């Protein structure tokens, strides 16, 4: 592996590869993340919180932690449809504060809005986790009742986002100290993530593996395959991780499915 000092290590660990995705497992890169998310929910009065780690590579996104099933589902919906406050907070590098999920607010995300029907969520708040050049992730908070964050809660959320940055960077620095080179550290993190993937309820390793398999079946790029995987999941009203699990287990193949079956 060629050395690239400007390479984002999380990007390298998370980059999809059809021959075997390099996931970011809960150990060692995400140690301590759960406690900070729990604290963020408590200090802001939120009903739940999650941390999504994103990288400059298109479509690469890992759920590092969620405090509860609804927080996990809200992140999963945004991952599946490819839109929502988390993604906009990341791309715009600013907090997205949805104190009330009314029609005017949700017009911005029509696909995401349609998936919220029936979910007990009335407010969403997304805070970028700072990075050297761009955010490295997003702290996601939700409430079951509408209402803006007070000044104290807003500051607490930003302090927790900064704590997440320090923890992620410290975990990576510690991992580097136990490796001879940055390349060796990336490979070790990938192996560790692979071994933890089966027990990690948040990892999306199988999504990127499935996208690679689908890319081979349809003779398209991995990015295009990931888009089609999302489209298939959305049109069939299932999560993209559920579809990916079927692809990886070879219960579902796109090789003999026409474009209409994928995109409809």
C-alpha atoms as a PDB file:
ATOM      1  CA  UNK A   1       0.000   0.000   0.000  1.00  0.00           C
ATOM      2  CA  UNK A   2       1.468   3.305  -1.042  1.00  0.00           C
ATOM      3  CA  UNK A   3       2.005   5.861   1.661  1.00  0.00           C
ATOM      4  CA  UNK A   4      -0.017   9.077   1.576  1.00  0.00           C
ATOM      5  CA  UNK A   5       0.539  11.390   4.496  1.00  0.00           C
ATOM      6  CA  UNK A   6      -2.496  13.487   3.531  1.00  0.00           C
ATOM      7  CA  UNK A   7      -4.813  10.500   3.614  1.00  0.00           C
ATOM      8  CA  UNK A   8      -7.612  10.569   6.172  1.00  0.00           C
ATOM      9  CA  UNK A   9      -7.026   7.349   8.178  1.00  0.00           C
ATOM     10  CA  UNK A  10     -10.740   6.897   8.858  1.00  0.00           C
ATOM     11  CA  UNK A  11     -11.384   7.260   5.134  1.00  0.00           C
ATOM     12  CA  UNK A  12      -8.897   4.472   4.449  1.00  0.00           C
ATOM     13  CA  UNK A  13     -10.398   2.203   7.083  1.00  0.00           C
ATOM     14  CA  UNK A  14     -13.968   2.776   5.905  1.00  0.00           C
ATOM     15  CA  UNK A  15     -13.405   2.816   2.138  1.00  0.00           C
ATOM     16  CA  UNK A  16     -15.593   0.221   0.383  1.00  0.00           C
ATOM     17  CA  UNK A  17     -13.766  -2.505  -1.512  1.00  0.00           C
ATOM     18  CA  UNK A  18     -15.612  -5.327  -3.244  1.00  0.00           C
ATOM     19  CA  UNK A  19     -12.857  -7.783  -2.398  1.00  0.00           C
ATOM     20  CA  UNK A  20     -13.402  -7.127   1.293  1.00  0.00           C
ATOM     21  CA  UNK A  21     -14.581  -3.909   2.914  1.00  0.00           C
ATOM     22  CA  UNK A  22     -12.311  -2.271   5.438  1.00  0.00           C
ATOM     23  CA  UNK A  23     -14.731  -1.440   8.249  1.00  0.00           C
ATOM     24  CA  UNK A  24     -14.256   0.679  11.330  1.00  0.00           C
ATOM     25  CA  UNK A  25     -15.178  -1.717  14.113  1.00  0.00           C
ATOM     26  CA  UNK A  26     -16.187  -0.648  17.583  1.00  0.00           C
ATOM     27  CA  UNK A  27     -12.692  -1.612  18.761  1.00  0.00           C
ATOM     28  CA  UNK A  28     -10.282   0.161  18.722  1.00  0.00           C
ATOM     29  CA  UNK A  29     -11.355   3.317  16.889  1.00  0.00           C
ATOM     30  CA  UNK A  30     -14.676   3.877  18.654  1.00  0.00           C
ATOM     31  CA  UNK A  31     -13.718   3.166  22.259  1.00  0.00           C
ATOM     32  CA  UNK A  32     -15.329   5.675  24.630  1.00  0.00           C
ATOM     33  CA  UNK A  33     -17.791   6.998  22.049  1.00  0.00           C
ATOM     34  CA  UNK A  34     -20.843   5.498  23.726  1.00  0.00           C
ATOM     35  CA  UNK A  35     -20.272   7.286  27.025  1.00  0.00           C
ATOM     36  CA  UNK A  36     -20.036  10.655  25.265  1.00  0.00           C
ATOM     37  CA  UNK A  37     -23.243  10.060  23.289  1.00  0.00           C
ATOM     38  CA  UNK A  38     -25.052   9.045  26.479  1.00  0.00           C
ATOM     39  CA  UNK A  39     -23.775  12.221  28.154  1.00  0.00           C
ATOM     40  CA  UNK A  40     -24.854  14.361  25.192  1.00  0.00           C
ATOM     41  CA  UNK A  41     -28.399  13.024  25.430  1.00  0.00           C
ATOM     42  CA  UNK A  42     -28.524  13.657  29.175  1.00  0.00           C
ATOM     43  CA  UNK A  43     -27.064  17.177  29.086  1.00  0.00           C
ATOM     44  CA  UNK A  44     -29.260  18.356  26.207  1.00  0.00           C
ATOM     45  CA  UNK A  45     -32.478  16.757  27.387  1.00  0.00           C
ATOM     46  CA  UNK A  46     -32.643  14.661  24.227  1.00  0.00           C
ATOM     47  CA  UNK A  47     -34.390  11.301  24.205  1.00  0.00           C
ATOM     48  CA  UNK A  48     -31.574   9.699  22.249  1.00  0.00           C
ATOM     49  CA  UNK A  49     -28.283  10.298  20.482  1.00  0.00           C
ATOM     50  CA  UNK A  50     -26.050   8.713  17.865  1.00  0.00           C
ATOM     51  CA  UNK A  51     -22.687   9.282  16.236  1.00  0.00           C
ATOM     52  CA  UNK A  52     -22.305   8.771  12.509  1.00  0.00           C
ATOM     53  CA  UNK A  53     -18.732   8.814  11.188  1.00  0.00           C
ATOM     54  CA  UNK A  54     -18.477  10.011   7.595  1.00  0.00           C
ATOM     55  CA  UNK A  55     -15.542  10.337   5.223  1.00  0.00           C
ATOM     56  CA  UNK A  56     -14.828  12.261   2.005  1.00  0.00           C
ATOM     57  CA  UNK A  57     -15.287   9.026   0.050  1.00  0.00           C
ATOM     58  CA  UNK A  58     -18.733   9.229  -1.520  1.00  0.00           C
ATOM     59  CA  UNK A  59     -21.370   7.288   0.361  1.00  0.00           C
ATOM     60  CA  UNK A  60     -19.098   5.962   3.112  1.00  0.00           C
ATOM     61  CA  UNK A  61     -20.802   6.285   6.464  1.00  0.00           C
ATOM     62  CA  UNK A  62     -20.529   4.206   9.635  1.00  0.00           C
ATOM     63  CA  UNK A  63     -22.813   4.324  12.645  1.00  0.00           C
ATOM     64  CA  UNK A  64     -20.404   4.305  15.575  1.00  0.00           C
ATOM     65  CA  UNK A  65     -22.971   4.275  18.366  1.00  0.00           C
ATOM     66  CA  UNK A  66     -26.652   4.831  19.126  1.00  0.00           C
ATOM     67  CA  UNK A  67     -28.168   5.171  22.560  1.00  0.00           C
ATOM     68  CA  UNK A  68     -31.383   3.348  21.632  1.00  0.00           C
ATOM     69  CA  UNK A  69     -33.277   1.655  18.832  1.00  0.00           C
ATOM     70  CA  UNK A  70     -34.988   4.821  17.604  1.00  0.00           C
ATOM     71  CA  UNK A  71     -31.705   6.744  17.375  1.00  0.00           C
ATOM     72  CA  UNK A  72     -30.305   3.862  15.357  1.00  0.00           C
ATOM     73  CA  UNK A  73     -33.402   3.759  13.121  1.00  0.00           C
ATOM     74  CA  UNK A  74     -33.251   7.503  12.430  1.00  0.00           C
ATOM     75  CA  UNK A  75     -29.656   7.190  11.298  1.00  0.00           C
ATOM     76  CA  UNK A  76     -30.480   4.094   9.242  1.00  0.00           C
ATOM     77  CA  UNK A  77     -33.258   5.946   7.418  1.00  0.00           C
ATOM     78  CA  UNK A  78     -30.890   8.775   6.462  1.00  0.00           C
ATOM     79  CA  UNK A  79     -28.269   6.251   5.344  1.00  0.00           C
ATOM     80  CA  UNK A  80     -30.832   4.441   3.179  1.00  0.00           C
ATOM     81  CA  UNK A  81     -32.423   7.465   1.465  1.00  0.00           C
ATOM     82  CA  UNK A  82     -29.208   9.508   1.288  1.00  0.00           C
ATOM     83  CA  UNK A  83     -30.659  12.688   2.775  1.00  0.00           C
ATOM     84  CA  UNK A  84     -31.537  14.258   6.099  1.00  0.00           C
ATOM     85  CA  UNK A  85     -30.216  16.663   8.725  1.00  0.00           C
ATOM     86  CA  UNK A  86     -27.171  14.530   9.511  1.00  0.00           C
ATOM     87  CA  UNK A  87     -25.898  14.615   5.933  1.00  0.00           C
ATOM     88  CA  UNK A  88     -26.590  18.315   5.505  1.00  0.00           C
ATOM     89  CA  UNK A  89     -24.857  19.134   8.794  1.00  0.00           C
ATOM     90  CA  UNK A  90     -21.824  17.212   7.512  1.00  0.00           C
ATOM     91  CA  UNK A  91     -21.732  18.763   4.039  1.00  0.00           C
ATOM     92  CA  UNK A  92     -22.488  22.306   5.224  1.00  0.00           C
ATOM     93  CA  UNK A  93     -20.284  21.988   8.326  1.00  0.00           C
ATOM     94  CA  UNK A  94     -22.822  23.627  10.595  1.00  0.00           C
ATOM     95  CA  UNK A  95     -25.462  22.486  13.091  1.00  0.00           C
ATOM     96  CA  UNK A  96     -28.861  21.593  11.639  1.00  0.00           C
ATOM     97  CA  UNK A  97     -31.515  22.356  14.239  1.00  0.00           C
ATOM     98  CA  UNK A  98     -35.016  21.054  13.570  1.00  0.00           C
ATOM     99  CA  UNK A  99     -36.931  22.061  16.683  1.00  0.00           C
ATOM    100  CA  UNK A 100     -40.211  21.033  15.073  1.00  0.00           C
ATOM    101  CA  UNK A 101     -40.577  18.496  12.287  1.00  0.00           C
ATOM    102  CA  UNK A 102     -43.405  20.271  10.487  1.00  0.00           C
ATOM    103  CA  UNK A 103     -44.167  20.238   6.764  1.00  0.00           C
ATOM    104  CA  UNK A 104     -42.076  23.344   6.117  1.00  0.00           C
ATOM    105  CA  UNK A 105     -38.993  21.801   7.735  1.00  0.00           C
ATOM    106  CA  UNK A 106     -39.404  18.415   6.092  1.00  0.00           C
ATOM    107  CA  UNK A 107     -39.953  19.807   2.585  1.00  0.00           C
ATOM    108  CA  UNK A 108     -36.167  19.949   2.438  1.00  0.00           C
ATOM    109  CA  UNK A 109     -35.933  16.145   2.713  1.00  0.00           C
ATOM    110  CA  UNK A 110     -38.967  14.537   1.015  1.00  0.00           C
ATOM    111  CA  UNK A 111     -37.649  10.965   1.019  1.00  0.00           C
ATOM    112  CA  UNK A 112     -36.508  11.217   4.633  1.00  0.00           C
ATOM    113  CA  UNK A 113     -39.840  12.800   5.578  1.00  0.00           C
ATOM    114  CA  UNK A 114     -41.835   9.921   4.103  1.00  0.00           C
ATOM    115  CA  UNK A 115     -39.914   7.444   6.257  1.00  0.00           C
ATOM    116  CA  UNK A 116     -40.635   9.339   9.487  1.00  0.00           C
ATOM    117  CA  UNK A 117     -44.345   8.506   9.407  1.00  0.00           C
ATOM    118  CA  UNK A 118     -45.175   6.499  12.505  1.00  0.00           C
ATOM    119  CA  UNK A 119     -41.905   7.234  14.287  1.00  0.00           C
ATOM    120  CA  UNK A 120     -42.185   8.951  17.651  1.00  0.00           C
ATOM    121  CA  UNK A 121     -39.849  11.821  16.882  1.00  0.00           C
ATOM    122  CA  UNK A 122     -40.750  15.512  16.886  1.00  0.00           C
ATOM    123  CA  UNK A 123     -37.351  17.273  16.840  1.00  0.00           C
ATOM    124  CA  UNK A 124     -33.906  16.505  15.424  1.00  0.00           C
ATOM    125  CA  UNK A 125     -30.566  18.207  15.971  1.00  0.00           C
ATOM    126  CA  UNK A 126     -27.332  17.435  14.126  1.00  0.00           C
ATOM    127  CA  UNK A 127     -23.938  18.791  15.227  1.00  0.00           C
ATOM    128  CA  UNK A 128     -20.802  18.278  13.094  1.00  0.00           C
ATOM    129  CA  UNK A 129     -17.879  16.642  14.859  1.00  0.00           C
ATOM    130  CA  UNK A 130     -14.910  18.874  13.942  1.00  0.00           C
ATOM    131  CA  UNK A 131     -12.047  17.537  11.857  1.00  0.00           C
ATOM    132  CA  UNK A 132      -8.791  18.939  10.541  1.00  0.00           C
ATOM    133  CA  UNK A 133     -10.187  20.024   7.173  1.00  0.00           C
ATOM    134  CA  UNK A 134     -13.853  18.996   7.342  1.00  0.00           C
ATOM    135  CA  UNK A 135     -16.140  17.258   9.843  1.00  0.00           C
ATOM    136  CA  UNK A 136     -15.241  13.680  10.701  1.00  0.00           C
ATOM    137  CA  UNK A 137     -18.766  12.839  11.755  1.00  0.00           C
ATOM    138  CA  UNK A 138     -22.061  14.110  13.117  1.00  0.00           C
ATOM    139  CA  UNK A 139     -23.602  13.938  16.580  1.00  0.00           C
ATOM    140  CA  UNK A 140     -27.319  13.287  16.101  1.00  0.00           C
ATOM    141  CA  UNK A 141     -29.903  14.070  18.786  1.00  0.00           C
ATOM    142  CA  UNK A 142     -33.657  13.520  18.764  1.00  0.00           C
ATOM    143  CA  UNK A 143     -36.612  14.399  20.966  1.00  0.00           C
ATOM    144  CA  UNK A 144     -40.096  12.922  21.101  1.00  0.00           C
ATOM    145  CA  UNK A 145     -41.523  16.371  21.799  1.00  0.00           C
ATOM    146  CA  UNK A 146     -40.987  19.518  19.748  1.00  0.00           C
ATOM    147  CA  UNK A 147     -38.925  22.388  21.097  1.00  0.00           C
ATOM    148  CA  UNK A 148     -35.682  24.234  20.509  1.00  0.00           C
ATOM    149  CA  UNK A 149     -32.485  23.565  22.409  1.00  0.00           C
ATOM    150  CA  UNK A 150     -31.768  26.129  25.084  1.00  0.00           C
ATOM    151  CA  UNK A 151     -28.453  27.972  25.104  1.00  0.00           C
ATOM    152  CA  UNK A 152     -27.021  25.617  27.716  1.00  0.00           C
ATOM    153  CA  UNK A 153     -28.138  22.510  25.837  1.00  0.00           C
ATOM    154  CA  UNK A 154     -26.759  23.896  22.572  1.00  0.00           C
ATOM    155  CA  UNK A 155     -23.379  24.546  24.183  1.00  0.00           C
ATOM    156  CA  UNK A 156     -23.391  21.092  25.774  1.00  0.00           C
ATOM    157  CA  UNK A 157     -24.005  19.492  22.382  1.00  0.00           C
ATOM    158  CA  UNK A 158     -21.100  21.401  20.856  1.00  0.00           C
ATOM    159  CA  UNK A 159     -18.828  20.452  23.767  1.00  0.00           C
ATOM    160  CA  UNK A 160     -19.791  16.795  23.328  1.00  0.00           C
ATOM    161  CA  UNK A 161     -19.078  17.027  19.585  1.00  0.00           C
ATOM    162  CA  UNK A 162     -15.636  18.413  20.419  1.00  0.00           C
ATOM    163  CA  UNK A 163     -15.124  15.584  22.943  1.00  0.00           C
ATOM    164  CA  UNK A 164     -16.007  13.067  20.228  1.00  0.00           C
ATOM    165  CA  UNK A 165     -13.348  14.631  17.999  1.00  0.00           C
ATOM    166  CA  UNK A 166     -10.698  14.359  20.723  1.00  0.00           C
ATOM    167  CA  UNK A 167     -11.664  10.759  21.480  1.00  0.00           C
ATOM    168  CA  UNK A 168     -11.589   9.643  17.845  1.00  0.00           C
ATOM    169  CA  UNK A 169      -8.239  11.374  17.287  1.00  0.00           C
ATOM    170  CA  UNK A 170      -6.807   9.964  20.528  1.00  0.00           C
ATOM    171  CA  UNK A 171      -7.937   6.436  19.623  1.00  0.00           C
ATOM    172  CA  UNK A 172      -6.263   6.745  16.236  1.00  0.00           C
ATOM    173  CA  UNK A 173      -3.070   8.208  17.717  1.00  0.00           C
ATOM    174  CA  UNK A 174      -2.887   5.373  20.243  1.00  0.00           C
ATOM    175  CA  UNK A 175      -3.446   2.869  17.465  1.00  0.00           C
ATOM    176  CA  UNK A 176      -0.610   4.459  15.497  1.00  0.00           C
ATOM    177  CA  UNK A 177       1.765   4.184  18.463  1.00  0.00           C
ATOM    178  CA  UNK A 178       1.277   0.423  18.480  1.00  0.00           C
ATOM    179  CA  UNK A 179       2.003   0.109  14.758  1.00  0.00           C
ATOM    180  CA  UNK A 180       5.238   0.488  12.836  1.00  0.00           C
ATOM    181  CA  UNK A 181       3.673   2.580  10.053  1.00  0.00           C
ATOM    182  CA  UNK A 182       0.379   4.307   9.277  1.00  0.00           C
ATOM    183  CA  UNK A 183      -0.314   1.645   6.657  1.00  0.00           C
ATOM    184  CA  UNK A 184       0.133  -1.084   9.278  1.00  0.00           C
ATOM    185  CA  UNK A 185      -2.237   0.760  11.613  1.00  0.00           C
ATOM    186  CA  UNK A 186      -4.905   0.936   8.914  1.00  0.00           C
ATOM    187  CA  UNK A 187      -4.575  -2.762   8.199  1.00  0.00           C
ATOM    188  CA  UNK A 188      -4.720  -3.611  11.925  1.00  0.00           C
ATOM    189  CA  UNK A 189      -7.841  -1.487  12.400  1.00  0.00           C
ATOM    190  CA  UNK A 190      -9.466  -3.252   9.463  1.00  0.00           C
ATOM    191  CA  UNK A 191      -8.693  -6.683  10.919  1.00  0.00           C
ATOM    192  CA  UNK A 192      -9.992  -5.622  14.313  1.00  0.00           C
ATOM    193  CA  UNK A 193     -13.152  -4.246  12.736  1.00  0.00           C
ATOM    194  CA  UNK A 194     -13.685  -7.454  10.788  1.00  0.00           C
ATOM    195  CA  UNK A 195     -13.433  -9.584  13.912  1.00  0.00           C
ATOM    196  CA  UNK A 196     -15.897  -7.336  15.770  1.00  0.00           C
ATOM    197  CA  UNK A 197     -18.360  -6.943  12.909  1.00  0.00           C
ATOM    198  CA  UNK A 198     -20.538  -9.927  13.774  1.00  0.00           C
ATOM    199  CA  UNK A 199     -21.106  -8.679  17.331  1.00  0.00           C
ATOM    200  CA  UNK A 200     -21.263  -4.965  16.517  1.00  0.00           C
ATOM    201  CA  UNK A 201     -24.926  -3.914  16.081  1.00  0.00           C
ATOM    202  CA  UNK A 202     -23.971  -0.641  14.374  1.00  0.00           C
ATOM    203  CA  UNK A 203     -21.383  -1.528  11.736  1.00  0.00           C
ATOM    204  CA  UNK A 204     -22.311  -1.243   8.062  1.00  0.00           C
ATOM    205  CA  UNK A 205     -19.492  -3.442   6.811  1.00  0.00           C
ATOM    206  CA  UNK A 206     -21.918  -5.732   4.975  1.00  0.00           C
ATOM    207  CA  UNK A 207     -23.418  -2.798   3.072  1.00  0.00           C
ATOM    208  CA  UNK A 208     -20.087  -2.023   1.425  1.00  0.00           C
ATOM    209  CA  UNK A 209     -19.360  -5.695   0.793  1.00  0.00           C
ATOM    210  CA  UNK A 210     -22.801  -6.049  -0.813  1.00  0.00           C
ATOM    211  CA  UNK A 211     -22.211  -2.950  -2.947  1.00  0.00           C
ATOM    212  CA  UNK A 212     -18.984  -4.509  -4.180  1.00  0.00           C
ATOM    213  CA  UNK A 213     -20.719  -7.781  -5.031  1.00  0.00           C
ATOM    214  CA  UNK A 214     -23.485  -5.865  -6.807  1.00  0.00           C
ATOM    215  CA  UNK A 215     -20.899  -3.839  -8.740  1.00  0.00           C
ATOM    216  CA  UNK A 216     -19.449  -7.070 -10.103  1.00  0.00           C
ATOM    217  CA  UNK A 217     -22.895  -8.483 -10.927  1.00  0.00           C
ATOM    218  CA  UNK A 218     -23.991  -5.378 -12.834  1.00  0.00           C
ATOM    219  CA  UNK A 219     -20.550  -4.340 -14.124  1.00  0.00           C
ATOM    220  CA  UNK A 220     -20.809  -0.868 -12.637  1.00  0.00           C
ATOM    221  CA  UNK A 221     -18.752   1.144 -10.157  1.00  0.00           C
ATOM    222  CA  UNK A 222     -19.020   0.530  -6.430  1.00  0.00           C
ATOM    223  CA  UNK A 223     -20.458   4.022  -5.919  1.00  0.00           C
ATOM    224  CA  UNK A 224     -23.151   3.375  -8.512  1.00  0.00           C
ATOM    225  CA  UNK A 225     -23.871   0.001  -6.925  1.00  0.00           C
ATOM    226  CA  UNK A 226     -24.300   1.622  -3.520  1.00  0.00           C
ATOM    227  CA  UNK A 227     -26.796   4.069  -5.036  1.00  0.00           C
ATOM    228  CA  UNK A 228     -28.736   1.206  -6.597  1.00  0.00           C
ATOM    229  CA  UNK A 229     -28.659  -0.740  -3.349  1.00  0.00           C
ATOM    230  CA  UNK A 230     -30.210   2.252  -1.590  1.00  0.00           C
ATOM    231  CA  UNK A 231     -32.801   2.674  -4.347  1.00  0.00           C
ATOM    232  CA  UNK A 232     -33.799  -0.987  -4.098  1.00  0.00           C
ATOM    233  CA  UNK A 233     -34.113  -0.748  -0.310  1.00  0.00           C
ATOM    234  CA  UNK A 234     -36.174   2.437  -0.487  1.00  0.00           C
ATOM    235  CA  UNK A 235     -38.536   1.153  -3.182  1.00  0.00           C
ATOM    236  CA  UNK A 236     -39.113  -2.107  -1.246  1.00  0.00           C
ATOM    237  CA  UNK A 237     -39.562  -0.315   2.112  1.00  0.00           C
ATOM    238  CA  UNK A 238     -36.755  -2.139   3.877  1.00  0.00           C
ATOM    239  CA  UNK A 239     -33.472  -0.964   5.340  1.00  0.00           C
ATOM    240  CA  UNK A 240     -30.373  -0.974   3.188  1.00  0.00           C
ATOM    241  CA  UNK A 241     -28.580  -3.117   5.779  1.00  0.00           C
ATOM    242  CA  UNK A 242     -31.305  -5.769   5.483  1.00  0.00           C
ATOM    243  CA  UNK A 243     -30.939  -5.848   1.688  1.00  0.00           C
ATOM    244  CA  UNK A 244     -27.148  -5.979   2.046  1.00  0.00           C
ATOM    245  CA  UNK A 245     -27.413  -8.955   4.392  1.00  0.00           C
ATOM    246  CA  UNK A 246     -29.438 -10.834   1.755  1.00  0.00           C
ATOM    247  CA  UNK A 247     -26.895  -9.983  -0.947  1.00  0.00           C
ATOM    248  CA  UNK A 248     -23.916 -11.080   1.147  1.00  0.00           C
ATOM    249  CA  UNK A 249     -25.711 -14.306   2.126  1.00  0.00           C
ATOM    250  CA  UNK A 250     -26.502 -14.819  -1.579  1.00  0.00           C
ATOM    251  CA  UNK A 251     -30.240 -14.886  -0.947  1.00  0.00           C
ATOM    252  CA  UNK A 252     -30.515 -11.973  -3.364  1.00  0.00           C
ATOM    253  CA  UNK A 253     -28.604 -11.385  -6.587  1.00  0.00           C
ATOM    254  CA  UNK A 254     -28.880  -8.472  -8.981  1.00  0.00           C
ATOM    255  CA  UNK A 255     -27.127 -10.300 -11.792  1.00  0.00           C
ATOM    256  CA  UNK A 256     -30.380 -11.409 -13.420  1.00  0.00           C
ATOM    257  CA  UNK A 257     -32.535  -8.471 -12.292  1.00  0.00           C
ATOM    258  CA  UNK A 258     -33.274  -5.782 -14.843  1.00  0.00           C
ATOM    259  CA  UNK A 259     -32.755  -2.100 -14.107  1.00  0.00           C
ATOM    260  CA  UNK A 260     -36.465  -1.742 -13.375  1.00  0.00           C
ATOM    261  CA  UNK A 261     -36.122  -4.213 -10.483  1.00  0.00           C
ATOM    262  CA  UNK A 262     -33.257  -2.221  -9.052  1.00  0.00           C
ATOM    263  CA  UNK A 263     -34.460   1.308  -9.567  1.00  0.00           C
ATOM    264  CA  UNK A 264     -38.214   1.000  -9.254  1.00  0.00           C
END
